[in-house]
């Protein structure tokens, strides 16, 4: 091969190599380069946390809905966090985690006990305002937003007094015996009926705030005490379970059923005459108001730090006109 041919071959090979290198670099760049764009993430003014009793509980999802709607309208990031199943120890751990995360405010269900009180104090020390929702606990919390649970229990008692005659044997289903809101509702109910000896509590059972738990508790209670002619459920899913439990054991028995909360399923059972009345509390309103209170607390303390939300009795007659169900 003469000198000119060698130069030609080497030049061609060099060009091919250079072309391959350029192509490789170009397509590699296109593959791994991420074009810089303006972030679509909104700029939030505050980061609040809602620490609820149970993740997929219908009642708490309504609280979350109201809180997130209010937060979105005001440019606030609201984080919803809760145990998978109701568990006070887990809730306290999540509460502590939100304090460690240095959020701007915490909405949390009150839990009786020193650990909860200590965590509220810890939050206050770190300049994180803490408010209780649904259930209040004496502590350094800045405010309580939710139902007056004692009054709600009284309403249930008044409804039973006004809608019955003669001896009444009451079976009561509570969500959890350890829950303060359940204790307060039961205390309010007892206060309402204490002047009416014809109305007596026959038995109290726990549903573990589940529909199946309320069904099983109702079945067992009715089997042991067939004289029961009034059923009262003090947590959101108890009404649904009481209807099912009664259907399983005494499908034709006439029992006055009073439930709590305004879940769509509960309202439908009232329309069908399966539940006589429910004590309506408005969880979406609670969530929304709690966010508003936390915003106020960023700049000042509240003089009136107990904010009670609407509580009322809803019966079938009230549903002829569409009610403000879960606004």
C-alpha atoms as a PDB file:
ATOM      1  CA  UNK A   1       0.000   0.000   0.000  1.00  0.00           C
ATOM      2  CA  UNK A   2       1.541   3.295  -1.078  1.00  0.00           C
ATOM      3  CA  UNK A   3       1.783   6.360   1.128  1.00  0.00           C
ATOM      4  CA  UNK A   4      -1.255   8.167  -0.371  1.00  0.00           C
ATOM      5  CA  UNK A   5      -3.480   5.141   0.052  1.00  0.00           C
ATOM      6  CA  UNK A   6      -2.433   4.753   3.695  1.00  0.00           C
ATOM      7  CA  UNK A   7      -3.252   8.392   4.394  1.00  0.00           C
ATOM      8  CA  UNK A   8      -6.654   7.986   2.728  1.00  0.00           C
ATOM      9  CA  UNK A   9      -7.519   4.840   4.710  1.00  0.00           C
ATOM     10  CA  UNK A  10      -6.384   6.305   8.011  1.00  0.00           C
ATOM     11  CA  UNK A  11      -8.285   9.530   7.357  1.00  0.00           C
ATOM     12  CA  UNK A  12     -11.466   7.615   6.501  1.00  0.00           C
ATOM     13  CA  UNK A  13     -11.133   5.483   9.626  1.00  0.00           C
ATOM     14  CA  UNK A  14     -10.600   8.594  11.722  1.00  0.00           C
ATOM     15  CA  UNK A  15     -13.667  10.255  10.262  1.00  0.00           C
ATOM     16  CA  UNK A  16     -15.783   7.166  10.929  1.00  0.00           C
ATOM     17  CA  UNK A  17     -14.527   6.993  14.513  1.00  0.00           C
ATOM     18  CA  UNK A  18     -15.169  10.697  15.068  1.00  0.00           C
ATOM     19  CA  UNK A  19     -18.667  10.412  13.581  1.00  0.00           C
ATOM     20  CA  UNK A  20     -19.446   7.458  15.855  1.00  0.00           C
ATOM     21  CA  UNK A  21     -18.164   9.340  18.891  1.00  0.00           C
ATOM     22  CA  UNK A  22     -20.236  12.423  18.077  1.00  0.00           C
ATOM     23  CA  UNK A  23     -23.361  10.291  17.515  1.00  0.00           C
ATOM     24  CA  UNK A  24     -22.798   8.447  20.787  1.00  0.00           C
ATOM     25  CA  UNK A  25     -22.381  11.673  22.741  1.00  0.00           C
ATOM     26  CA  UNK A  26     -25.429  13.258  21.111  1.00  0.00           C
ATOM     27  CA  UNK A  27     -27.822  10.378  21.731  1.00  0.00           C
ATOM     28  CA  UNK A  28     -26.437   9.851  25.218  1.00  0.00           C
ATOM     29  CA  UNK A  29     -27.120  13.505  25.964  1.00  0.00           C
ATOM     30  CA  UNK A  30     -30.670  13.213  24.639  1.00  0.00           C
ATOM     31  CA  UNK A  31     -31.221  10.078  26.679  1.00  0.00           C
ATOM     32  CA  UNK A  32     -30.075  11.401  30.035  1.00  0.00           C
ATOM     33  CA  UNK A  33     -30.641  15.123  29.771  1.00  0.00           C
ATOM     34  CA  UNK A  34     -33.687  16.406  31.594  1.00  0.00           C
ATOM     35  CA  UNK A  35     -34.787  19.715  30.295  1.00  0.00           C
ATOM     36  CA  UNK A  36     -34.986  22.309  33.000  1.00  0.00           C
ATOM     37  CA  UNK A  37     -38.539  23.493  33.425  1.00  0.00           C
ATOM     38  CA  UNK A  38     -40.252  25.748  35.861  1.00  0.00           C
ATOM     39  CA  UNK A  39     -41.453  23.733  38.862  1.00  0.00           C
ATOM     40  CA  UNK A  40     -45.197  23.140  38.844  1.00  0.00           C
ATOM     41  CA  UNK A  41     -45.106  22.566  42.593  1.00  0.00           C
ATOM     42  CA  UNK A  42     -47.120  25.350  44.199  1.00  0.00           C
ATOM     43  CA  UNK A  43     -45.483  27.536  46.821  1.00  0.00           C
ATOM     44  CA  UNK A  44     -47.240  26.760  50.102  1.00  0.00           C
ATOM     45  CA  UNK A  45     -47.525  29.317  52.875  1.00  0.00           C
ATOM     46  CA  UNK A  46     -47.696  26.684  55.639  1.00  0.00           C
ATOM     47  CA  UNK A  47     -47.337  22.939  56.162  1.00  0.00           C
ATOM     48  CA  UNK A  48     -49.990  21.567  58.542  1.00  0.00           C
ATOM     49  CA  UNK A  49     -50.479  17.975  59.712  1.00  0.00           C
ATOM     50  CA  UNK A  50     -53.753  16.215  60.520  1.00  0.00           C
ATOM     51  CA  UNK A  51     -53.096  13.226  62.797  1.00  0.00           C
ATOM     52  CA  UNK A  52     -56.272  11.122  62.747  1.00  0.00           C
ATOM     53  CA  UNK A  53     -57.501   8.049  64.605  1.00  0.00           C
ATOM     54  CA  UNK A  54     -57.534   5.596  61.685  1.00  0.00           C
ATOM     55  CA  UNK A  55     -56.461   5.877  58.044  1.00  0.00           C
ATOM     56  CA  UNK A  56     -59.468   4.541  56.133  1.00  0.00           C
ATOM     57  CA  UNK A  57     -62.181   5.342  58.645  1.00  0.00           C
ATOM     58  CA  UNK A  58     -65.060   6.995  56.766  1.00  0.00           C
ATOM     59  CA  UNK A  59     -65.577   9.618  59.443  1.00  0.00           C
ATOM     60  CA  UNK A  60     -61.917  10.667  59.464  1.00  0.00           C
ATOM     61  CA  UNK A  61     -61.826  10.767  55.681  1.00  0.00           C
ATOM     62  CA  UNK A  62     -64.598  13.376  55.848  1.00  0.00           C
ATOM     63  CA  UNK A  63     -62.548  15.371  58.362  1.00  0.00           C
ATOM     64  CA  UNK A  64     -59.610  15.110  55.955  1.00  0.00           C
ATOM     65  CA  UNK A  65     -61.780  16.214  53.028  1.00  0.00           C
ATOM     66  CA  UNK A  66     -62.892  19.378  54.798  1.00  0.00           C
ATOM     67  CA  UNK A  67     -59.389  20.169  56.014  1.00  0.00           C
ATOM     68  CA  UNK A  68     -57.764  19.643  52.621  1.00  0.00           C
ATOM     69  CA  UNK A  69     -60.374  21.724  50.851  1.00  0.00           C
ATOM     70  CA  UNK A  70     -59.840  24.631  53.250  1.00  0.00           C
ATOM     71  CA  UNK A  71     -56.060  24.233  53.009  1.00  0.00           C
ATOM     72  CA  UNK A  72     -56.112  24.206  49.200  1.00  0.00           C
ATOM     73  CA  UNK A  73     -58.183  27.389  49.110  1.00  0.00           C
ATOM     74  CA  UNK A  74     -55.621  29.135  51.309  1.00  0.00           C
ATOM     75  CA  UNK A  75     -52.429  27.835  49.708  1.00  0.00           C
ATOM     76  CA  UNK A  76     -51.535  25.496  52.574  1.00  0.00           C
ATOM     77  CA  UNK A  77     -50.099  21.989  52.335  1.00  0.00           C
ATOM     78  CA  UNK A  78     -52.052  19.628  54.599  1.00  0.00           C
ATOM     79  CA  UNK A  79     -50.604  16.211  55.392  1.00  0.00           C
ATOM     80  CA  UNK A  80     -53.048  13.496  56.517  1.00  0.00           C
ATOM     81  CA  UNK A  81     -51.506  10.762  58.646  1.00  0.00           C
ATOM     82  CA  UNK A  82     -53.026   8.040  60.849  1.00  0.00           C
ATOM     83  CA  UNK A  83     -52.519   4.445  62.020  1.00  0.00           C
ATOM     84  CA  UNK A  84     -53.872   1.781  59.663  1.00  0.00           C
ATOM     85  CA  UNK A  85     -56.061   0.592  62.533  1.00  0.00           C
ATOM     86  CA  UNK A  86     -57.027   2.606  65.590  1.00  0.00           C
ATOM     87  CA  UNK A  87     -54.074   2.353  67.964  1.00  0.00           C
ATOM     88  CA  UNK A  88     -53.209   5.021  70.513  1.00  0.00           C
ATOM     89  CA  UNK A  89     -49.521   4.083  70.663  1.00  0.00           C
ATOM     90  CA  UNK A  90     -49.170   4.383  66.895  1.00  0.00           C
ATOM     91  CA  UNK A  91     -51.047   7.668  66.850  1.00  0.00           C
ATOM     92  CA  UNK A  92     -48.700   9.087  69.480  1.00  0.00           C
ATOM     93  CA  UNK A  93     -45.680   7.997  67.426  1.00  0.00           C
ATOM     94  CA  UNK A  94     -47.097   9.745  64.364  1.00  0.00           C
ATOM     95  CA  UNK A  95     -47.808  12.841  66.438  1.00  0.00           C
ATOM     96  CA  UNK A  96     -44.179  12.833  67.619  1.00  0.00           C
ATOM     97  CA  UNK A  97     -42.977  12.365  64.029  1.00  0.00           C
ATOM     98  CA  UNK A  98     -44.872  15.450  62.886  1.00  0.00           C
ATOM     99  CA  UNK A  99     -43.304  17.472  65.697  1.00  0.00           C
ATOM    100  CA  UNK A 100     -39.863  16.243  64.599  1.00  0.00           C
ATOM    101  CA  UNK A 101     -40.728  17.242  61.013  1.00  0.00           C
ATOM    102  CA  UNK A 102     -41.166  20.824  62.250  1.00  0.00           C
ATOM    103  CA  UNK A 103     -44.517  21.366  60.582  1.00  0.00           C
ATOM    104  CA  UNK A 104     -46.207  24.730  61.090  1.00  0.00           C
ATOM    105  CA  UNK A 105     -49.202  23.352  62.971  1.00  0.00           C
ATOM    106  CA  UNK A 106     -50.772  20.068  64.065  1.00  0.00           C
ATOM    107  CA  UNK A 107     -54.419  18.995  64.239  1.00  0.00           C
ATOM    108  CA  UNK A 108     -54.718  15.821  66.325  1.00  0.00           C
ATOM    109  CA  UNK A 109     -57.355  13.717  68.024  1.00  0.00           C
ATOM    110  CA  UNK A 110     -56.995  14.061  71.785  1.00  0.00           C
ATOM    111  CA  UNK A 111     -55.886  10.960  73.693  1.00  0.00           C
ATOM    112  CA  UNK A 112     -56.074  10.658  77.448  1.00  0.00           C
ATOM    113  CA  UNK A 113     -52.766  10.116  79.189  1.00  0.00           C
ATOM    114  CA  UNK A 114     -49.465  11.685  80.164  1.00  0.00           C
ATOM    115  CA  UNK A 115     -47.710  10.835  76.883  1.00  0.00           C
ATOM    116  CA  UNK A 116     -50.162  12.889  74.868  1.00  0.00           C
ATOM    117  CA  UNK A 117     -49.897  15.839  77.249  1.00  0.00           C
ATOM    118  CA  UNK A 118     -46.089  15.641  77.079  1.00  0.00           C
ATOM    119  CA  UNK A 119     -46.147  15.637  73.277  1.00  0.00           C
ATOM    120  CA  UNK A 120     -48.380  18.693  73.193  1.00  0.00           C
ATOM    121  CA  UNK A 121     -45.874  20.411  75.497  1.00  0.00           C
ATOM    122  CA  UNK A 122     -43.037  19.303  73.212  1.00  0.00           C
ATOM    123  CA  UNK A 123     -44.790  20.857  70.236  1.00  0.00           C
ATOM    124  CA  UNK A 124     -45.417  24.110  72.089  1.00  0.00           C
ATOM    125  CA  UNK A 125     -41.739  24.256  73.104  1.00  0.00           C
ATOM    126  CA  UNK A 126     -40.854  24.088  69.411  1.00  0.00           C
ATOM    127  CA  UNK A 127     -43.352  26.850  68.576  1.00  0.00           C
ATOM    128  CA  UNK A 128     -45.688  24.424  66.809  1.00  0.00           C
ATOM    129  CA  UNK A 129     -49.328  25.220  67.633  1.00  0.00           C
ATOM    130  CA  UNK A 130     -51.310  22.075  68.432  1.00  0.00           C
ATOM    131  CA  UNK A 131     -55.101  21.886  68.362  1.00  0.00           C
ATOM    132  CA  UNK A 132     -57.279  18.920  69.246  1.00  0.00           C
ATOM    133  CA  UNK A 133     -60.134  17.789  67.033  1.00  0.00           C
ATOM    134  CA  UNK A 134     -63.068  15.446  67.715  1.00  0.00           C
ATOM    135  CA  UNK A 135     -61.802  14.745  71.247  1.00  0.00           C
ATOM    136  CA  UNK A 136     -60.343  17.253  73.684  1.00  0.00           C
ATOM    137  CA  UNK A 137     -57.777  16.649  76.424  1.00  0.00           C
ATOM    138  CA  UNK A 138     -56.657  19.063  79.166  1.00  0.00           C
ATOM    139  CA  UNK A 139     -53.204  20.132  78.004  1.00  0.00           C
ATOM    140  CA  UNK A 140     -51.304  23.059  76.522  1.00  0.00           C
ATOM    141  CA  UNK A 141     -53.146  22.627  73.244  1.00  0.00           C
ATOM    142  CA  UNK A 142     -54.071  25.967  71.722  1.00  0.00           C
ATOM    143  CA  UNK A 143     -57.684  25.119  70.865  1.00  0.00           C
ATOM    144  CA  UNK A 144     -60.287  22.383  70.466  1.00  0.00           C
ATOM    145  CA  UNK A 145     -62.451  22.104  67.359  1.00  0.00           C
ATOM    146  CA  UNK A 146     -65.293  19.602  67.252  1.00  0.00           C
ATOM    147  CA  UNK A 147     -68.478  18.324  68.816  1.00  0.00           C
ATOM    148  CA  UNK A 148     -69.509  19.004  72.380  1.00  0.00           C
ATOM    149  CA  UNK A 149     -69.598  15.283  73.052  1.00  0.00           C
ATOM    150  CA  UNK A 150     -71.411  15.489  76.385  1.00  0.00           C
ATOM    151  CA  UNK A 151     -74.157  17.542  74.757  1.00  0.00           C
ATOM    152  CA  UNK A 152     -74.324  15.085  71.855  1.00  0.00           C
ATOM    153  CA  UNK A 153     -74.942  12.267  74.325  1.00  0.00           C
ATOM    154  CA  UNK A 154     -77.675  14.333  75.947  1.00  0.00           C
ATOM    155  CA  UNK A 155     -79.336  14.788  72.554  1.00  0.00           C
ATOM    156  CA  UNK A 156     -79.402  11.022  72.083  1.00  0.00           C
ATOM    157  CA  UNK A 157     -81.001  10.637  75.497  1.00  0.00           C
ATOM    158  CA  UNK A 158     -83.641  13.269  74.792  1.00  0.00           C
ATOM    159  CA  UNK A 159     -84.534  11.605  71.507  1.00  0.00           C
ATOM    160  CA  UNK A 160     -85.090   8.261  73.227  1.00  0.00           C
ATOM    161  CA  UNK A 161     -87.091   9.886  76.039  1.00  0.00           C
ATOM    162  CA  UNK A 162     -89.361  11.696  73.576  1.00  0.00           C
ATOM    163  CA  UNK A 163     -89.913   8.735  71.268  1.00  0.00           C
ATOM    164  CA  UNK A 164     -90.653   5.934  73.728  1.00  0.00           C
ATOM    165  CA  UNK A 165     -93.217   5.027  76.372  1.00  0.00           C
ATOM    166  CA  UNK A 166     -92.971   2.537  79.199  1.00  0.00           C
ATOM    167  CA  UNK A 167     -89.931   0.521  80.190  1.00  0.00           C
ATOM    168  CA  UNK A 168     -86.978   0.788  77.864  1.00  0.00           C
ATOM    169  CA  UNK A 169     -83.992  -1.549  77.954  1.00  0.00           C
ATOM    170  CA  UNK A 170     -81.088   0.100  76.176  1.00  0.00           C
ATOM    171  CA  UNK A 171     -78.180  -1.673  74.545  1.00  0.00           C
ATOM    172  CA  UNK A 172     -75.266   0.700  73.929  1.00  0.00           C
ATOM    173  CA  UNK A 173     -72.444   0.196  71.429  1.00  0.00           C
ATOM    174  CA  UNK A 174     -69.344   2.357  71.875  1.00  0.00           C
ATOM    175  CA  UNK A 175     -66.475   2.630  69.424  1.00  0.00           C
ATOM    176  CA  UNK A 176     -63.702   2.160  71.968  1.00  0.00           C
ATOM    177  CA  UNK A 177     -64.024   2.158  75.743  1.00  0.00           C
ATOM    178  CA  UNK A 178     -60.757   4.101  76.071  1.00  0.00           C
ATOM    179  CA  UNK A 179     -61.821   6.904  73.704  1.00  0.00           C
ATOM    180  CA  UNK A 180     -62.595  10.089  75.606  1.00  0.00           C
ATOM    181  CA  UNK A 181     -65.257  11.223  73.136  1.00  0.00           C
ATOM    182  CA  UNK A 182     -67.115   7.935  73.651  1.00  0.00           C
ATOM    183  CA  UNK A 183     -66.898   8.321  77.422  1.00  0.00           C
ATOM    184  CA  UNK A 184     -68.242  11.873  77.204  1.00  0.00           C
ATOM    185  CA  UNK A 185     -71.137  10.871  74.944  1.00  0.00           C
ATOM    186  CA  UNK A 186     -72.055   8.021  77.263  1.00  0.00           C
ATOM    187  CA  UNK A 187     -71.883  10.370  80.254  1.00  0.00           C
ATOM    188  CA  UNK A 188     -74.171  12.834  78.474  1.00  0.00           C
ATOM    189  CA  UNK A 189     -76.649  10.062  77.660  1.00  0.00           C
ATOM    190  CA  UNK A 190     -76.690   8.864  81.270  1.00  0.00           C
ATOM    191  CA  UNK A 191     -77.225  12.438  82.436  1.00  0.00           C
ATOM    192  CA  UNK A 192     -80.235  12.835  80.132  1.00  0.00           C
ATOM    193  CA  UNK A 193     -81.991   9.649  81.262  1.00  0.00           C
ATOM    194  CA  UNK A 194     -81.183   9.780  84.990  1.00  0.00           C
ATOM    195  CA  UNK A 195     -84.506  11.494  85.756  1.00  0.00           C
ATOM    196  CA  UNK A 196     -86.374   8.789  83.800  1.00  0.00           C
ATOM    197  CA  UNK A 197     -86.082   5.477  85.660  1.00  0.00           C
ATOM    198  CA  UNK A 198     -88.196   3.754  83.019  1.00  0.00           C
ATOM    199  CA  UNK A 199     -85.136   3.931  80.754  1.00  0.00           C
ATOM    200  CA  UNK A 200     -82.242   1.733  81.852  1.00  0.00           C
ATOM    201  CA  UNK A 201     -78.987   0.703  80.218  1.00  0.00           C
ATOM    202  CA  UNK A 202     -78.965  -3.084  79.971  1.00  0.00           C
ATOM    203  CA  UNK A 203     -75.485  -3.592  78.530  1.00  0.00           C
ATOM    204  CA  UNK A 204     -72.625  -1.714  76.896  1.00  0.00           C
ATOM    205  CA  UNK A 205     -70.382  -3.337  74.293  1.00  0.00           C
ATOM    206  CA  UNK A 206     -67.457  -2.195  72.143  1.00  0.00           C
ATOM    207  CA  UNK A 207     -67.302  -2.201  68.329  1.00  0.00           C
ATOM    208  CA  UNK A 208     -63.627  -1.248  67.883  1.00  0.00           C
ATOM    209  CA  UNK A 209     -64.963   1.441  65.527  1.00  0.00           C
ATOM    210  CA  UNK A 210     -65.751  -1.133  62.826  1.00  0.00           C
ATOM    211  CA  UNK A 211     -69.047  -2.105  61.243  1.00  0.00           C
ATOM    212  CA  UNK A 212     -68.383  -5.825  61.710  1.00  0.00           C
ATOM    213  CA  UNK A 213     -67.503  -5.166  65.351  1.00  0.00           C
ATOM    214  CA  UNK A 214     -70.827  -3.394  65.872  1.00  0.00           C
ATOM    215  CA  UNK A 215     -72.669  -6.220  64.103  1.00  0.00           C
ATOM    216  CA  UNK A 216     -71.085  -8.857  66.329  1.00  0.00           C
ATOM    217  CA  UNK A 217     -71.608  -6.813  69.489  1.00  0.00           C
ATOM    218  CA  UNK A 218     -75.282  -6.237  68.652  1.00  0.00           C
ATOM    219  CA  UNK A 219     -75.896  -9.903  67.861  1.00  0.00           C
ATOM    220  CA  UNK A 220     -74.265 -11.043  71.115  1.00  0.00           C
ATOM    221  CA  UNK A 221     -76.089  -8.407  73.166  1.00  0.00           C
ATOM    222  CA  UNK A 222     -79.508  -9.223  71.697  1.00  0.00           C
ATOM    223  CA  UNK A 223     -78.929 -12.939  72.153  1.00  0.00           C
ATOM    224  CA  UNK A 224     -78.081 -12.469  75.822  1.00  0.00           C
ATOM    225  CA  UNK A 225     -80.713  -9.783  76.469  1.00  0.00           C
ATOM    226  CA  UNK A 226     -83.675 -10.271  74.107  1.00  0.00           C
ATOM    227  CA  UNK A 227     -85.629  -7.738  76.173  1.00  0.00           C
ATOM    228  CA  UNK A 228     -83.543  -4.905  74.685  1.00  0.00           C
ATOM    229  CA  UNK A 229     -85.862  -2.595  72.756  1.00  0.00           C
ATOM    230  CA  UNK A 230     -83.558   0.409  72.231  1.00  0.00           C
ATOM    231  CA  UNK A 231     -80.136   0.443  70.590  1.00  0.00           C
ATOM    232  CA  UNK A 232     -77.732   3.374  70.765  1.00  0.00           C
ATOM    233  CA  UNK A 233     -74.462   3.538  68.836  1.00  0.00           C
ATOM    234  CA  UNK A 234     -71.922   6.180  69.822  1.00  0.00           C
ATOM    235  CA  UNK A 235     -69.454   6.010  66.920  1.00  0.00           C
ATOM    236  CA  UNK A 236     -69.866   6.452  63.181  1.00  0.00           C
ATOM    237  CA  UNK A 237     -70.088   2.821  62.031  1.00  0.00           C
ATOM    238  CA  UNK A 238     -72.143   1.510  64.949  1.00  0.00           C
ATOM    239  CA  UNK A 239     -75.501   2.315  63.356  1.00  0.00           C
ATOM    240  CA  UNK A 240     -74.744   0.227  60.268  1.00  0.00           C
ATOM    241  CA  UNK A 241     -73.591  -2.688  62.411  1.00  0.00           C
ATOM    242  CA  UNK A 242     -76.571  -2.477  64.759  1.00  0.00           C
ATOM    243  CA  UNK A 243     -79.000  -2.764  61.847  1.00  0.00           C
ATOM    244  CA  UNK A 244     -77.160  -5.797  60.476  1.00  0.00           C
ATOM    245  CA  UNK A 245     -76.788  -7.491  63.874  1.00  0.00           C
ATOM    246  CA  UNK A 246     -80.476  -7.028  64.657  1.00  0.00           C
ATOM    247  CA  UNK A 247     -81.422  -8.316  61.203  1.00  0.00           C
ATOM    248  CA  UNK A 248     -79.408 -11.476  61.795  1.00  0.00           C
ATOM    249  CA  UNK A 249     -80.963 -12.422  65.127  1.00  0.00           C
ATOM    250  CA  UNK A 250     -84.388 -10.719  65.347  1.00  0.00           C
ATOM    251  CA  UNK A 251     -85.315  -9.503  61.843  1.00  0.00           C
ATOM    252  CA  UNK A 252     -88.900  -8.585  62.789  1.00  0.00           C
ATOM    253  CA  UNK A 253     -88.299  -7.152  66.266  1.00  0.00           C
ATOM    254  CA  UNK A 254     -89.299  -3.510  66.754  1.00  0.00           C
ATOM    255  CA  UNK A 255     -86.250  -1.750  68.198  1.00  0.00           C
ATOM    256  CA  UNK A 256     -85.636   2.003  68.344  1.00  0.00           C
ATOM    257  CA  UNK A 257     -82.187   2.591  66.839  1.00  0.00           C
ATOM    258  CA  UNK A 258     -80.259   5.817  67.346  1.00  0.00           C
ATOM    259  CA  UNK A 259     -76.859   6.215  65.720  1.00  0.00           C
ATOM    260  CA  UNK A 260     -74.094   8.793  65.428  1.00  0.00           C
ATOM    261  CA  UNK A 261     -72.826  10.710  62.418  1.00  0.00           C
ATOM    262  CA  UNK A 262     -74.098  11.337  58.918  1.00  0.00           C
ATOM    263  CA  UNK A 263     -72.333   8.837  56.720  1.00  0.00           C
ATOM    264  CA  UNK A 264     -74.231   8.339  53.439  1.00  0.00           C
ATOM    265  CA  UNK A 265     -75.008   4.731  54.397  1.00  0.00           C
ATOM    266  CA  UNK A 266     -76.487   5.874  57.700  1.00  0.00           C
ATOM    267  CA  UNK A 267     -78.677   8.451  55.983  1.00  0.00           C
ATOM    268  CA  UNK A 268     -79.940   5.823  53.552  1.00  0.00           C
ATOM    269  CA  UNK A 269     -80.909   3.535  56.445  1.00  0.00           C
ATOM    270  CA  UNK A 270     -82.843   6.423  58.002  1.00  0.00           C
ATOM    271  CA  UNK A 271     -84.700   6.937  54.713  1.00  0.00           C
ATOM    272  CA  UNK A 272     -85.570   3.223  54.708  1.00  0.00           C
ATOM    273  CA  UNK A 273     -86.776   3.342  58.312  1.00  0.00           C
ATOM    274  CA  UNK A 274     -84.055   0.987  59.555  1.00  0.00           C
ATOM    275  CA  UNK A 275     -82.491   3.668  61.776  1.00  0.00           C
ATOM    276  CA  UNK A 276     -84.836   6.031  63.624  1.00  0.00           C
ATOM    277  CA  UNK A 277     -82.439   8.935  64.096  1.00  0.00           C
ATOM    278  CA  UNK A 278     -78.797   9.904  64.103  1.00  0.00           C
ATOM    279  CA  UNK A 279     -76.889  12.482  66.087  1.00  0.00           C
ATOM    280  CA  UNK A 280     -75.387  14.573  63.323  1.00  0.00           C
ATOM    281  CA  UNK A 281     -71.965  16.048  63.700  1.00  0.00           C
ATOM    282  CA  UNK A 282     -70.283  17.585  60.707  1.00  0.00           C
ATOM    283  CA  UNK A 283     -66.763  16.205  60.218  1.00  0.00           C
ATOM    284  CA  UNK A 284     -66.020  18.199  57.067  1.00  0.00           C
ATOM    285  CA  UNK A 285     -66.871  21.374  58.956  1.00  0.00           C
ATOM    286  CA  UNK A 286     -64.541  20.253  61.758  1.00  0.00           C
ATOM    287  CA  UNK A 287     -61.664  19.779  59.339  1.00  0.00           C
ATOM    288  CA  UNK A 288     -62.254  23.100  57.610  1.00  0.00           C
ATOM    289  CA  UNK A 289     -62.587  25.059  60.842  1.00  0.00           C
ATOM    290  CA  UNK A 290     -59.485  23.400  62.303  1.00  0.00           C
ATOM    291  CA  UNK A 291     -57.392  24.672  59.388  1.00  0.00           C
ATOM    292  CA  UNK A 292     -58.800  28.183  59.842  1.00  0.00           C
ATOM    293  CA  UNK A 293     -57.963  28.064  63.549  1.00  0.00           C
ATOM    294  CA  UNK A 294     -54.384  26.955  62.852  1.00  0.00           C
ATOM    295  CA  UNK A 295     -53.970  29.866  60.455  1.00  0.00           C
ATOM    296  CA  UNK A 296     -55.144  32.287  63.161  1.00  0.00           C
ATOM    297  CA  UNK A 297     -52.746  30.694  65.642  1.00  0.00           C
ATOM    298  CA  UNK A 298     -49.755  31.518  63.459  1.00  0.00           C
ATOM    299  CA  UNK A 299     -50.068  35.115  64.633  1.00  0.00           C
ATOM    300  CA  UNK A 300     -52.007  35.129  67.896  1.00  0.00           C
ATOM    301  CA  UNK A 301     -53.521  33.030  70.675  1.00  0.00           C
ATOM    302  CA  UNK A 302     -57.277  32.614  70.856  1.00  0.00           C
ATOM    303  CA  UNK A 303     -59.348  33.909  73.754  1.00  0.00           C
ATOM    304  CA  UNK A 304     -62.198  31.485  73.032  1.00  0.00           C
ATOM    305  CA  UNK A 305     -60.291  28.257  72.466  1.00  0.00           C
ATOM    306  CA  UNK A 306     -63.205  25.809  72.422  1.00  0.00           C
ATOM    307  CA  UNK A 307     -64.869  25.931  69.030  1.00  0.00           C
ATOM    308  CA  UNK A 308     -67.895  23.648  68.981  1.00  0.00           C
ATOM    309  CA  UNK A 309     -69.262  22.548  65.637  1.00  0.00           C
ATOM    310  CA  UNK A 310     -72.920  21.992  64.838  1.00  0.00           C
ATOM    311  CA  UNK A 311     -74.654  19.021  66.483  1.00  0.00           C
ATOM    312  CA  UNK A 312     -78.280  18.049  65.889  1.00  0.00           C
ATOM    313  CA  UNK A 313     -80.733  15.163  65.647  1.00  0.00           C
ATOM    314  CA  UNK A 314     -81.714  14.037  62.148  1.00  0.00           C
ATOM    315  CA  UNK A 315     -84.799  11.867  61.611  1.00  0.00           C
ATOM    316  CA  UNK A 316     -86.547  10.602  58.507  1.00  0.00           C
ATOM    317  CA  UNK A 317     -88.867  13.631  58.416  1.00  0.00           C
ATOM    318  CA  UNK A 318     -85.823  15.891  58.166  1.00  0.00           C
ATOM    319  CA  UNK A 319     -84.728  14.138  54.990  1.00  0.00           C
ATOM    320  CA  UNK A 320     -87.753  15.113  52.920  1.00  0.00           C
ATOM    321  CA  UNK A 321     -85.678  18.186  52.106  1.00  0.00           C
ATOM    322  CA  UNK A 322     -82.045  17.420  51.355  1.00  0.00           C
ATOM    323  CA  UNK A 323     -80.082  18.097  54.561  1.00  0.00           C
ATOM    324  CA  UNK A 324     -76.653  19.663  54.888  1.00  0.00           C
ATOM    325  CA  UNK A 325     -75.140  16.217  55.016  1.00  0.00           C
ATOM    326  CA  UNK A 326     -71.365  16.282  55.375  1.00  0.00           C
ATOM    327  CA  UNK A 327     -71.071  19.778  53.961  1.00  0.00           C
END
